[in-house]
C-alpha atoms as a PDB file:
ATOM      1  CA  UNK A   1       0.213  -0.147  -0.040  1.00  0.00           C
ATOM      2  CA  UNK A   2       1.531   3.278  -1.216  1.00  0.00           C
ATOM      3  CA  UNK A   3       1.494   6.656   1.077  1.00  0.00           C
ATOM      4  CA  UNK A   4      -0.763   8.100  -1.628  1.00  0.00           C
ATOM      5  CA  UNK A   5      -3.414   5.157  -2.219  1.00  0.00           C
ATOM      6  CA  UNK A   6      -6.758   5.306  -0.238  1.00  0.00           C
ATOM      7  CA  UNK A   7      -6.622   3.589   3.248  1.00  0.00           C
ATOM      8  CA  UNK A   8      -8.400   0.215   2.969  1.00  0.00           C
ATOM      9  CA  UNK A   9      -9.618  -1.401   6.106  1.00  0.00           C
ATOM     10  CA  UNK A  10     -10.476  -5.436   6.166  1.00  0.00           C
ATOM     11  CA  UNK A  11     -14.094  -5.638   6.124  1.00  0.00           C
ATOM     12  CA  UNK A  12     -15.877  -8.187   8.427  1.00  0.00           C
ATOM     13  CA  UNK A  13     -16.027 -10.727   5.483  1.00  0.00           C
ATOM     14  CA  UNK A  14     -12.293 -10.278   5.021  1.00  0.00           C
ATOM     15  CA  UNK A  15     -11.854 -11.174   8.965  1.00  0.00           C
ATOM     16  CA  UNK A  16     -13.908 -14.511   8.850  1.00  0.00           C
ATOM     17  CA  UNK A  17     -12.421 -15.648   5.550  1.00  0.00           C
ATOM     18  CA  UNK A  18      -8.937 -15.081   7.080  1.00  0.00           C
ATOM     19  CA  UNK A  19     -10.206 -17.196  10.112  1.00  0.00           C
ATOM     20  CA  UNK A  20     -11.429 -19.947   7.584  1.00  0.00           C
ATOM     21  CA  UNK A  21      -8.093 -19.671   5.741  1.00  0.00           C
ATOM     22  CA  UNK A  22      -5.697 -20.123   8.637  1.00  0.00           C
ATOM     23  CA  UNK A  23      -7.831 -22.297  11.021  1.00  0.00           C
ATOM     24  CA  UNK A  24      -6.283 -25.776  11.858  1.00  0.00           C
ATOM     25  CA  UNK A  25      -2.958 -24.604  10.638  1.00  0.00           C
ATOM     26  CA  UNK A  26      -2.050 -21.745  13.065  1.00  0.00           C
ATOM     27  CA  UNK A  27      -2.128 -22.571  16.804  1.00  0.00           C
ATOM     28  CA  UNK A  28      -5.164 -21.725  18.820  1.00  0.00           C
ATOM     29  CA  UNK A  29      -3.299 -20.443  21.930  1.00  0.00           C
ATOM     30  CA  UNK A  30      -4.395 -20.660  25.310  1.00  0.00           C
ATOM     31  CA  UNK A  31      -5.478 -18.139  28.023  1.00  0.00           C
ATOM     32  CA  UNK A  32      -4.517 -17.959  31.349  1.00  0.00           C
ATOM     33  CA  UNK A  33      -5.660 -16.283  34.565  1.00  0.00           C
ATOM     34  CA  UNK A  34      -3.438 -14.375  36.734  1.00  0.00           C
ATOM     35  CA  UNK A  35      -3.992 -13.212  40.251  1.00  0.00           C
ATOM     36  CA  UNK A  36      -3.678  -9.319  39.618  1.00  0.00           C
ATOM     37  CA  UNK A  37      -3.288  -8.756  43.591  1.00  0.00           C
ATOM     38  CA  UNK A  38       0.335 -10.168  42.875  1.00  0.00           C
ATOM     39  CA  UNK A  39       1.180  -6.981  41.245  1.00  0.00           C
ATOM     40  CA  UNK A  40      -1.187  -4.482  42.845  1.00  0.00           C
ATOM     41  CA  UNK A  41      -4.126  -4.737  40.797  1.00  0.00           C
ATOM     42  CA  UNK A  42      -7.276  -5.479  42.997  1.00  0.00           C
ATOM     43  CA  UNK A  43     -11.175  -5.676  41.848  1.00  0.00           C
ATOM     44  CA  UNK A  44     -10.261  -6.815  38.155  1.00  0.00           C
ATOM     45  CA  UNK A  45      -9.694 -10.043  36.795  1.00  0.00           C
ATOM     46  CA  UNK A  46      -6.293 -10.232  34.626  1.00  0.00           C
ATOM     47  CA  UNK A  47      -6.279 -12.857  31.927  1.00  0.00           C
ATOM     48  CA  UNK A  48      -3.098 -13.420  29.676  1.00  0.00           C
ATOM     49  CA  UNK A  49      -3.472 -14.734  26.055  1.00  0.00           C
ATOM     50  CA  UNK A  50      -0.232 -16.718  25.460  1.00  0.00           C
ATOM     51  CA  UNK A  51       0.193 -16.012  21.750  1.00  0.00           C
ATOM     52  CA  UNK A  52       3.973 -16.573  22.411  1.00  0.00           C
ATOM     53  CA  UNK A  53       3.021 -20.214  22.281  1.00  0.00           C
ATOM     54  CA  UNK A  54       2.227 -19.662  18.472  1.00  0.00           C
ATOM     55  CA  UNK A  55       4.240 -21.057  15.469  1.00  0.00           C
ATOM     56  CA  UNK A  56       7.620 -19.315  15.444  1.00  0.00           C
ATOM     57  CA  UNK A  57       7.014 -17.616  18.820  1.00  0.00           C
ATOM     58  CA  UNK A  58       4.799 -14.871  17.847  1.00  0.00           C
ATOM     59  CA  UNK A  59       1.363 -13.846  16.421  1.00  0.00           C
ATOM     60  CA  UNK A  60       2.958 -12.792  13.168  1.00  0.00           C
ATOM     61  CA  UNK A  61       2.302 -16.084  11.395  1.00  0.00           C
ATOM     62  CA  UNK A  62      -1.406 -15.225  11.202  1.00  0.00           C
ATOM     63  CA  UNK A  63      -0.889 -12.299   8.840  1.00  0.00           C
ATOM     64  CA  UNK A  64       1.678 -13.859   6.859  1.00  0.00           C
ATOM     65  CA  UNK A  65      -0.224 -17.162   6.248  1.00  0.00           C
ATOM     66  CA  UNK A  66      -3.294 -15.152   5.445  1.00  0.00           C
ATOM     67  CA  UNK A  67      -1.520 -13.164   2.817  1.00  0.00           C
ATOM     68  CA  UNK A  68       0.201 -16.345   0.947  1.00  0.00           C
ATOM     69  CA  UNK A  69      -2.921 -18.197   1.123  1.00  0.00           C
ATOM     70  CA  UNK A  70      -5.210 -15.224  -0.175  1.00  0.00           C
ATOM     71  CA  UNK A  71      -3.654 -15.579  -3.721  1.00  0.00           C
ATOM     72  CA  UNK A  72      -1.182 -16.767  -6.340  1.00  0.00           C
ATOM     73  CA  UNK A  73       2.347 -16.301  -5.122  1.00  0.00           C
ATOM     74  CA  UNK A  74       4.897 -15.022  -7.925  1.00  0.00           C
ATOM     75  CA  UNK A  75       7.586 -17.257  -9.322  1.00  0.00           C
ATOM     76  CA  UNK A  76      10.333 -15.720  -7.474  1.00  0.00           C
ATOM     77  CA  UNK A  77       8.593 -16.230  -3.853  1.00  0.00           C
ATOM     78  CA  UNK A  78       8.111 -13.695  -1.176  1.00  0.00           C
ATOM     79  CA  UNK A  79      10.440 -10.935   0.168  1.00  0.00           C
ATOM     80  CA  UNK A  80       9.993  -9.224   3.535  1.00  0.00           C
ATOM     81  CA  UNK A  81      11.722  -6.988   5.818  1.00  0.00           C
ATOM     82  CA  UNK A  82      11.760  -7.551   9.684  1.00  0.00           C
ATOM     83  CA  UNK A  83      13.320  -7.344  12.985  1.00  0.00           C
ATOM     84  CA  UNK A  84      12.997 -11.029  13.191  1.00  0.00           C
ATOM     85  CA  UNK A  85       9.381 -12.025  14.347  1.00  0.00           C
ATOM     86  CA  UNK A  86       7.798 -11.067  11.076  1.00  0.00           C
ATOM     87  CA  UNK A  87      10.864 -12.553   9.004  1.00  0.00           C
ATOM     88  CA  UNK A  88      10.322 -15.851  10.796  1.00  0.00           C
ATOM     89  CA  UNK A  89       6.506 -15.738   9.856  1.00  0.00           C
ATOM     90  CA  UNK A  90       6.997 -15.263   6.508  1.00  0.00           C
ATOM     91  CA  UNK A  91       9.686 -17.822   6.052  1.00  0.00           C
ATOM     92  CA  UNK A  92       7.739 -20.400   8.059  1.00  0.00           C
ATOM     93  CA  UNK A  93       4.417 -19.553   5.988  1.00  0.00           C
ATOM     94  CA  UNK A  94       6.492 -19.650   2.569  1.00  0.00           C
ATOM     95  CA  UNK A  95       7.858 -23.107   3.623  1.00  0.00           C
ATOM     96  CA  UNK A  96       4.318 -24.109   4.309  1.00  0.00           C
ATOM     97  CA  UNK A  97       3.100 -23.080   0.856  1.00  0.00           C
ATOM     98  CA  UNK A  98       6.312 -24.377  -0.902  1.00  0.00           C
ATOM     99  CA  UNK A  99       7.662 -21.100  -2.179  1.00  0.00           C
ATOM    100  CA  UNK A 100      11.038 -19.462  -1.570  1.00  0.00           C
ATOM    101  CA  UNK A 101      11.547 -16.418   0.896  1.00  0.00           C
ATOM    102  CA  UNK A 102      14.276 -13.990   1.293  1.00  0.00           C
ATOM    103  CA  UNK A 103      14.402 -11.952   4.448  1.00  0.00           C
ATOM    104  CA  UNK A 104      16.036  -8.642   4.931  1.00  0.00           C
ATOM    105  CA  UNK A 105      16.871  -8.054   8.781  1.00  0.00           C
ATOM    106  CA  UNK A 106      18.313  -4.992  10.442  1.00  0.00           C
ATOM    107  CA  UNK A 107      21.662  -5.419  12.222  1.00  0.00           C
ATOM    108  CA  UNK A 108      20.019  -4.175  15.513  1.00  0.00           C
ATOM    109  CA  UNK A 109      18.028  -7.361  15.801  1.00  0.00           C
ATOM    110  CA  UNK A 110      19.139  -9.834  18.348  1.00  0.00           C
ATOM    111  CA  UNK A 111      21.295 -12.832  16.169  1.00  0.00           C
ATOM    112  CA  UNK A 112      19.001 -15.528  17.721  1.00  0.00           C
ATOM    113  CA  UNK A 113      16.136 -13.959  15.619  1.00  0.00           C
ATOM    114  CA  UNK A 114      17.952 -13.878  12.373  1.00  0.00           C
ATOM    115  CA  UNK A 115      19.151 -17.491  13.013  1.00  0.00           C
ATOM    116  CA  UNK A 116      15.493 -18.426  13.686  1.00  0.00           C
ATOM    117  CA  UNK A 117      14.571 -16.805  10.356  1.00  0.00           C
ATOM    118  CA  UNK A 118      17.203 -18.997   8.505  1.00  0.00           C
ATOM    119  CA  UNK A 119      16.019 -22.103  10.289  1.00  0.00           C
ATOM    120  CA  UNK A 120      12.732 -21.903   8.499  1.00  0.00           C
ATOM    121  CA  UNK A 121      14.700 -22.110   5.133  1.00  0.00           C
ATOM    122  CA  UNK A 122      14.430 -18.574   4.259  1.00  0.00           C
ATOM    123  CA  UNK A 123      17.408 -16.663   2.666  1.00  0.00           C
ATOM    124  CA  UNK A 124      18.804 -13.919   5.215  1.00  0.00           C
ATOM    125  CA  UNK A 125      20.111 -10.603   4.260  1.00  0.00           C
ATOM    126  CA  UNK A 126      21.652  -8.448   7.261  1.00  0.00           C
ATOM    127  CA  UNK A 127      21.331  -4.678   6.676  1.00  0.00           C
ATOM    128  CA  UNK A 128      23.028  -2.076   8.903  1.00  0.00           C
ATOM    129  CA  UNK A 129      20.515  -0.002  10.911  1.00  0.00           C
ATOM    130  CA  UNK A 130      16.945  -0.486  11.916  1.00  0.00           C
ATOM    131  CA  UNK A 131      13.617  -1.810  10.377  1.00  0.00           C
ATOM    132  CA  UNK A 132      13.445   1.053   7.911  1.00  0.00           C
ATOM    133  CA  UNK A 133      16.898   0.342   6.561  1.00  0.00           C
ATOM    134  CA  UNK A 134      15.959  -3.247   6.258  1.00  0.00           C
ATOM    135  CA  UNK A 135      12.495  -2.118   4.415  1.00  0.00           C
ATOM    136  CA  UNK A 136      14.449   0.193   1.902  1.00  0.00           C
ATOM    137  CA  UNK A 137      16.925  -2.742   1.012  1.00  0.00           C
ATOM    138  CA  UNK A 138      14.046  -5.290   0.591  1.00  0.00           C
ATOM    139  CA  UNK A 139      12.295  -2.701  -1.960  1.00  0.00           C
ATOM    140  CA  UNK A 140      15.414  -2.348  -3.963  1.00  0.00           C
ATOM    141  CA  UNK A 141      15.917  -5.935  -4.373  1.00  0.00           C
ATOM    142  CA  UNK A 142      12.523  -6.593  -5.244  1.00  0.00           C
ATOM    143  CA  UNK A 143      12.428  -4.189  -8.168  1.00  0.00           C
ATOM    144  CA  UNK A 144      12.201  -5.956 -11.493  1.00  0.00           C
ATOM    145  CA  UNK A 145      11.464  -9.375  -9.599  1.00  0.00           C
ATOM    146  CA  UNK A 146       8.250 -11.389  -9.815  1.00  0.00           C
ATOM    147  CA  UNK A 147       7.879 -11.569  -5.896  1.00  0.00           C
ATOM    148  CA  UNK A 148       5.160 -10.943  -3.532  1.00  0.00           C
ATOM    149  CA  UNK A 149       6.080  -8.111  -0.850  1.00  0.00           C
ATOM    150  CA  UNK A 150       4.622  -9.087   2.431  1.00  0.00           C
ATOM    151  CA  UNK A 151       4.393  -5.744   4.772  1.00  0.00           C
ATOM    152  CA  UNK A 152       5.053  -6.329   8.623  1.00  0.00           C
ATOM    153  CA  UNK A 153       1.977  -4.673   9.608  1.00  0.00           C
ATOM    154  CA  UNK A 154       0.618  -2.169   7.108  1.00  0.00           C
ATOM    155  CA  UNK A 155      -1.713  -4.372   4.527  1.00  0.00           C
ATOM    156  CA  UNK A 156      -5.304  -5.563   4.557  1.00  0.00           C
ATOM    157  CA  UNK A 157      -4.524  -9.120   4.525  1.00  0.00           C
ATOM    158  CA  UNK A 158      -2.003  -9.058   7.091  1.00  0.00           C
ATOM    159  CA  UNK A 159      -4.211  -7.061   9.425  1.00  0.00           C
ATOM    160  CA  UNK A 160      -7.110  -9.602   8.551  1.00  0.00           C
ATOM    161  CA  UNK A 161      -4.822 -12.261   9.529  1.00  0.00           C
ATOM    162  CA  UNK A 162      -3.823 -10.755  12.969  1.00  0.00           C
ATOM    163  CA  UNK A 163      -7.353 -10.385  13.440  1.00  0.00           C
ATOM    164  CA  UNK A 164      -7.830 -14.055  13.935  1.00  0.00           C
ATOM    165  CA  UNK A 165      -6.262 -13.806  17.203  1.00  0.00           C
ATOM    166  CA  UNK A 166      -9.120 -11.235  17.936  1.00  0.00           C
ATOM    167  CA  UNK A 167     -11.925 -13.696  16.728  1.00  0.00           C
ATOM    168  CA  UNK A 168     -10.317 -16.497  18.768  1.00  0.00           C
ATOM    169  CA  UNK A 169      -9.919 -14.359  21.912  1.00  0.00           C
ATOM    170  CA  UNK A 170     -13.708 -13.440  21.708  1.00  0.00           C
ATOM    171  CA  UNK A 171     -14.682 -17.189  21.894  1.00  0.00           C
ATOM    172  CA  UNK A 172     -12.369 -17.793  24.920  1.00  0.00           C
ATOM    173  CA  UNK A 173     -13.072 -14.927  27.076  1.00  0.00           C
ATOM    174  CA  UNK A 174     -16.429 -13.537  25.796  1.00  0.00           C
ATOM    175  CA  UNK A 175     -16.741 -11.371  29.215  1.00  0.00           C
ATOM    176  CA  UNK A 176     -13.682  -9.316  28.210  1.00  0.00           C
ATOM    177  CA  UNK A 177     -14.005  -5.603  28.739  1.00  0.00           C
ATOM    178  CA  UNK A 178     -10.816  -4.417  27.492  1.00  0.00           C
ATOM    179  CA  UNK A 179      -7.731  -6.006  25.547  1.00  0.00           C
ATOM    180  CA  UNK A 180      -4.165  -4.848  26.168  1.00  0.00           C
ATOM    181  CA  UNK A 181      -2.096  -5.304  23.133  1.00  0.00           C
ATOM    182  CA  UNK A 182       1.648  -4.366  22.289  1.00  0.00           C
ATOM    183  CA  UNK A 183       1.678  -1.852  19.432  1.00  0.00           C
ATOM    184  CA  UNK A 184       4.684  -1.449  17.087  1.00  0.00           C
ATOM    185  CA  UNK A 185       3.468  -0.809  13.659  1.00  0.00           C
ATOM    186  CA  UNK A 186       0.121  -1.323  14.661  1.00  0.00           C
ATOM    187  CA  UNK A 187      -0.948  -4.480  12.718  1.00  0.00           C
ATOM    188  CA  UNK A 188      -2.011  -6.533  15.698  1.00  0.00           C
ATOM    189  CA  UNK A 189      -3.588  -3.670  17.110  1.00  0.00           C
ATOM    190  CA  UNK A 190      -5.718  -2.798  14.182  1.00  0.00           C
ATOM    191  CA  UNK A 191      -6.680  -6.418  13.522  1.00  0.00           C
ATOM    192  CA  UNK A 192      -7.689  -7.024  17.111  1.00  0.00           C
ATOM    193  CA  UNK A 193      -9.693  -3.847  17.380  1.00  0.00           C
ATOM    194  CA  UNK A 194     -11.779  -4.705  13.913  1.00  0.00           C
ATOM    195  CA  UNK A 195     -12.218  -8.334  15.229  1.00  0.00           C
ATOM    196  CA  UNK A 196     -13.626  -7.159  18.898  1.00  0.00           C
ATOM    197  CA  UNK A 197     -15.915  -4.758  16.852  1.00  0.00           C
ATOM    198  CA  UNK A 198     -17.444  -7.565  15.005  1.00  0.00           C
ATOM    199  CA  UNK A 199     -17.702  -9.854  18.222  1.00  0.00           C
ATOM    200  CA  UNK A 200     -17.732  -8.064  21.547  1.00  0.00           C
ATOM    201  CA  UNK A 201     -18.548  -4.419  20.389  1.00  0.00           C
ATOM    202  CA  UNK A 202     -18.825  -3.214  24.120  1.00  0.00           C
ATOM    203  CA  UNK A 203     -15.280  -4.085  24.752  1.00  0.00           C
ATOM    204  CA  UNK A 204     -12.198  -1.838  24.122  1.00  0.00           C
ATOM    205  CA  UNK A 205      -8.983  -2.495  22.608  1.00  0.00           C
ATOM    206  CA  UNK A 206      -5.830  -0.573  24.198  1.00  0.00           C
ATOM    207  CA  UNK A 207      -2.520  -0.152  22.467  1.00  0.00           C
ATOM    208  CA  UNK A 208       0.558  -0.083  24.489  1.00  0.00           C
ATOM    209  CA  UNK A 209       3.852   1.563  22.978  1.00  0.00           C
ATOM    210  CA  UNK A 210       7.327   1.816  24.666  1.00  0.00           C
ATOM    211  CA  UNK A 211       8.378   5.501  25.286  1.00  0.00           C
ATOM    212  CA  UNK A 212      11.257   5.233  22.995  1.00  0.00           C
ATOM    213  CA  UNK A 213       9.107   3.766  19.924  1.00  0.00           C
ATOM    214  CA  UNK A 214       5.972   5.782  20.190  1.00  0.00           C
ATOM    215  CA  UNK A 215       4.859   5.322  16.572  1.00  0.00           C
ATOM    216  CA  UNK A 216       1.147   5.318  16.952  1.00  0.00           C
ATOM    217  CA  UNK A 217       1.135   8.073  19.820  1.00  0.00           C
ATOM    218  CA  UNK A 218       3.298  10.328  17.449  1.00  0.00           C
ATOM    219  CA  UNK A 219       0.859   9.702  14.198  1.00  0.00           C
ATOM    220  CA  UNK A 220      -2.041  10.274  16.213  1.00  0.00           C
ATOM    221  CA  UNK A 221      -0.285  13.755  17.459  1.00  0.00           C
ATOM    222  CA  UNK A 222       0.499  14.828  13.942  1.00  0.00           C
ATOM    223  CA  UNK A 223      -2.633  13.562  12.267  1.00  0.00           C
ATOM    224  CA  UNK A 224      -1.074  10.901  10.124  1.00  0.00           C
ATOM    225  CA  UNK A 225       1.879   8.360  10.288  1.00  0.00           C
ATOM    226  CA  UNK A 226       5.248  10.240  10.665  1.00  0.00           C
ATOM    227  CA  UNK A 227       8.593   9.360  11.531  1.00  0.00           C
ATOM    228  CA  UNK A 228       9.074   8.588  15.290  1.00  0.00           C
ATOM    229  CA  UNK A 229      11.794   7.727  17.539  1.00  0.00           C
ATOM    230  CA  UNK A 230      13.272   4.221  17.463  1.00  0.00           C
ATOM    231  CA  UNK A 231      15.147   2.627  20.135  1.00  0.00           C
ATOM    232  CA  UNK A 232      14.920   1.001  23.920  1.00  0.00           C
ATOM    233  CA  UNK A 233      14.965  -2.462  24.870  1.00  0.00           C
ATOM    234  CA  UNK A 234      11.839  -3.287  22.708  1.00  0.00           C
ATOM    235  CA  UNK A 235      13.107  -1.778  19.457  1.00  0.00           C
ATOM    236  CA  UNK A 236      13.885  -5.157  17.768  1.00  0.00           C
ATOM    237  CA  UNK A 237      10.355  -6.136  17.625  1.00  0.00           C
ATOM    238  CA  UNK A 238       8.616  -2.513  18.111  1.00  0.00           C
ATOM    239  CA  UNK A 239      10.718  -0.252  16.240  1.00  0.00           C
ATOM    240  CA  UNK A 240       8.748   0.459  13.202  1.00  0.00           C
ATOM    241  CA  UNK A 241       9.860   3.630  11.909  1.00  0.00           C
ATOM    242  CA  UNK A 242       6.016   5.160  11.634  1.00  0.00           C
ATOM    243  CA  UNK A 243       2.751   3.622  12.391  1.00  0.00           C
ATOM    244  CA  UNK A 244       0.577   1.749   9.694  1.00  0.00           C
ATOM    245  CA  UNK A 245      -1.834   3.786   7.963  1.00  0.00           C
ATOM    246  CA  UNK A 246      -4.507   0.970   8.570  1.00  0.00           C
ATOM    247  CA  UNK A 247      -3.679   1.298  12.514  1.00  0.00           C
ATOM    248  CA  UNK A 248      -3.702   5.075  12.317  1.00  0.00           C
ATOM    249  CA  UNK A 249      -7.260   4.904  10.596  1.00  0.00           C
ATOM    250  CA  UNK A 250      -8.422   2.502  12.985  1.00  0.00           C
ATOM    251  CA  UNK A 251      -7.342   4.377  16.205  1.00  0.00           C
ATOM    252  CA  UNK A 252      -8.595   7.432  14.703  1.00  0.00           C
ATOM    253  CA  UNK A 253     -12.163   6.221  14.188  1.00  0.00           C
ATOM    254  CA  UNK A 254     -12.092   4.334  17.872  1.00  0.00           C
ATOM    255  CA  UNK A 255     -10.788   7.594  19.249  1.00  0.00           C
ATOM    256  CA  UNK A 256      -8.026   5.516  20.817  1.00  0.00           C
ATOM    257  CA  UNK A 257      -5.024   6.899  22.974  1.00  0.00           C
ATOM    258  CA  UNK A 258      -2.098   4.570  23.236  1.00  0.00           C
ATOM    259  CA  UNK A 259      -0.466   3.893  26.785  1.00  0.00           C
ATOM    260  CA  UNK A 260       3.151   4.609  26.829  1.00  0.00           C
ATOM    261  CA  UNK A 261       5.520   2.729  28.941  1.00  0.00           C
ATOM    262  CA  UNK A 262       9.189   3.236  29.680  1.00  0.00           C
ATOM    263  CA  UNK A 263      11.871   0.535  29.366  1.00  0.00           C
ATOM    264  CA  UNK A 264      12.089  -0.156  33.007  1.00  0.00           C
ATOM    265  CA  UNK A 265       8.618  -0.895  33.178  1.00  0.00           C
ATOM    266  CA  UNK A 266       9.082  -3.541  30.338  1.00  0.00           C
ATOM    267  CA  UNK A 267      11.901  -4.897  31.975  1.00  0.00           C
ATOM    268  CA  UNK A 268       9.979  -5.283  35.223  1.00  0.00           C
ATOM    269  CA  UNK A 269       6.912  -6.780  33.648  1.00  0.00           C
ATOM    270  CA  UNK A 270       9.228  -9.621  31.939  1.00  0.00           C
ATOM    271  CA  UNK A 271      10.846 -10.015  35.133  1.00  0.00           C
ATOM    272  CA  UNK A 272       7.395 -10.717  36.846  1.00  0.00           C
ATOM    273  CA  UNK A 273       6.361 -12.787  33.913  1.00  0.00           C
ATOM    274  CA  UNK A 274       9.268 -15.176  34.345  1.00  0.00           C
ATOM    275  CA  UNK A 275       9.885 -15.250  38.014  1.00  0.00           C
ATOM    276  CA  UNK A 276       6.160 -15.582  39.055  1.00  0.00           C
ATOM    277  CA  UNK A 277       4.489 -17.332  36.028  1.00  0.00           C
ATOM    278  CA  UNK A 278       7.233 -18.937  34.166  1.00  0.00           C
ATOM    279  CA  UNK A 279       6.197 -17.285  31.032  1.00  0.00           C
ATOM    280  CA  UNK A 280       9.436 -16.285  29.027  1.00  0.00           C
ATOM    281  CA  UNK A 281       8.276 -13.200  26.799  1.00  0.00           C
ATOM    282  CA  UNK A 282      10.667 -10.845  24.807  1.00  0.00           C
ATOM    283  CA  UNK A 283      10.652  -7.041  25.632  1.00  0.00           C
ATOM    284  CA  UNK A 284       8.049  -6.398  22.830  1.00  0.00           C
ATOM    285  CA  UNK A 285       5.781  -9.347  23.833  1.00  0.00           C
ATOM    286  CA  UNK A 286       5.729  -8.004  27.606  1.00  0.00           C
ATOM    287  CA  UNK A 287       5.021  -4.464  26.514  1.00  0.00           C
ATOM    288  CA  UNK A 288       1.301  -4.778  27.047  1.00  0.00           C
ATOM    289  CA  UNK A 289       1.465  -6.431  30.302  1.00  0.00           C
ATOM    290  CA  UNK A 290       3.999  -3.647  31.572  1.00  0.00           C
ATOM    291  CA  UNK A 291       1.162  -1.048  31.143  1.00  0.00           C
ATOM    292  CA  UNK A 292      -0.760  -3.043  33.849  1.00  0.00           C
ATOM    293  CA  UNK A 293       2.042  -4.192  36.043  1.00  0.00           C
ATOM    294  CA  UNK A 294       3.327  -0.632  36.072  1.00  0.00           C
ATOM    295  CA  UNK A 295       0.126   1.063  36.700  1.00  0.00           C
ATOM    296  CA  UNK A 296       0.433   2.816  33.576  1.00  0.00           C
ATOM    297  CA  UNK A 297      -3.243   1.456  32.876  1.00  0.00           C
ATOM    298  CA  UNK A 298      -5.498   0.990  35.545  1.00  0.00           C
ATOM    299  CA  UNK A 299      -8.303  -1.206  35.226  1.00  0.00           C
ATOM    300  CA  UNK A 300     -11.954  -0.151  36.746  1.00  0.00           C
ATOM    301  CA  UNK A 301     -13.418  -2.337  39.457  1.00  0.00           C
ATOM    302  CA  UNK A 302     -15.263  -5.315  37.991  1.00  0.00           C
ATOM    303  CA  UNK A 303     -13.241  -5.350  34.381  1.00  0.00           C
ATOM    304  CA  UNK A 304     -11.868  -8.323  32.858  1.00  0.00           C
ATOM    305  CA  UNK A 305      -8.882  -7.428  31.214  1.00  0.00           C
ATOM    306  CA  UNK A 306      -6.935  -9.639  28.797  1.00  0.00           C
ATOM    307  CA  UNK A 307      -3.309  -8.956  27.896  1.00  0.00           C
ATOM    308  CA  UNK A 308      -2.041 -10.386  24.845  1.00  0.00           C
ATOM    309  CA  UNK A 309       1.563 -11.733  25.359  1.00  0.00           C
ATOM    310  CA  UNK A 310       2.669 -11.674  21.780  1.00  0.00           C
ATOM    311  CA  UNK A 311       6.092 -12.711  21.482  1.00  0.00           C
ATOM    312  CA  UNK A 312       8.818 -14.754  22.895  1.00  0.00           C
ATOM    313  CA  UNK A 313      11.883 -14.891  20.548  1.00  0.00           C
ATOM    314  CA  UNK A 314      14.475 -14.321  23.257  1.00  0.00           C
ATOM    315  CA  UNK A 315      17.095 -16.462  24.888  1.00  0.00           C
ATOM    316  CA  UNK A 316      17.808 -14.053  27.525  1.00  0.00           C
ATOM    317  CA  UNK A 317      16.283 -14.607  30.942  1.00  0.00           C
ATOM    318  CA  UNK A 318      15.141 -11.210  32.775  1.00  0.00           C
ATOM    319  CA  UNK A 319      18.009 -10.059  34.879  1.00  0.00           C
ATOM    320  CA  UNK A 320      20.595 -11.966  33.005  1.00  0.00           C
END
């Protein structure tokens, strides 16, 4: 989707078609209730959705697989740019469909993520810098080639694929009143918001961003997606240079304001999840939980809050 094209949001039909395509292939990840009083949340139920148990260790396979199953794949296969999680998802989906994949990975991504991408059979190209640098390199390589380019977060098929997490969650926790999701480029936030609007319209979806990667916050202040700061402990998976146009449109329509959390809150949330729950989340995967754990988001009495733990591609234990 080019910057001058109209923003196209997935329709309700698109969401349910995506669910039919990927159902039985992606994992139906479990939910698990945590005692909120252990970290100062009283009067509200806290449930985590363990999407870190998904294929490749993150939610990203939903969007990647839906994209590849939505239409014929060109002869040269697929190309993507990724800090690691999207790349692994595209590599996995390409192998599942039986087409070649070439993934451009920024040098700032942990080596474990690049290795994980390669383990699914994709060719990995490491590019100096952050995600935007890898994206530019992938675009240059794709020029003149018959390849499908799968954006990490700002394409209707990708967002529709991510929405399947929301459709699944609505079935698992129909009493959910608030869903907290980590937000980098915003594909997961947009997809879950659209899905919850179809299934649980009285619920709300709250995006949570690192203070040092405030892409959606910056876009909403500016009135459109613009360049934002990229850095901090979660930059490898949350370091989109700008929010997606789809995410910005969804947030604008729903009057959403992201919750921002500092790096130390993300680190503390990871530590709690590991030490008290034995859930090993990567920093980006724990960012949504950081809002609740730190008090940046305070639920109302009687609320049922679901927190999506979205990724686990790390080999570092908290505090190590």
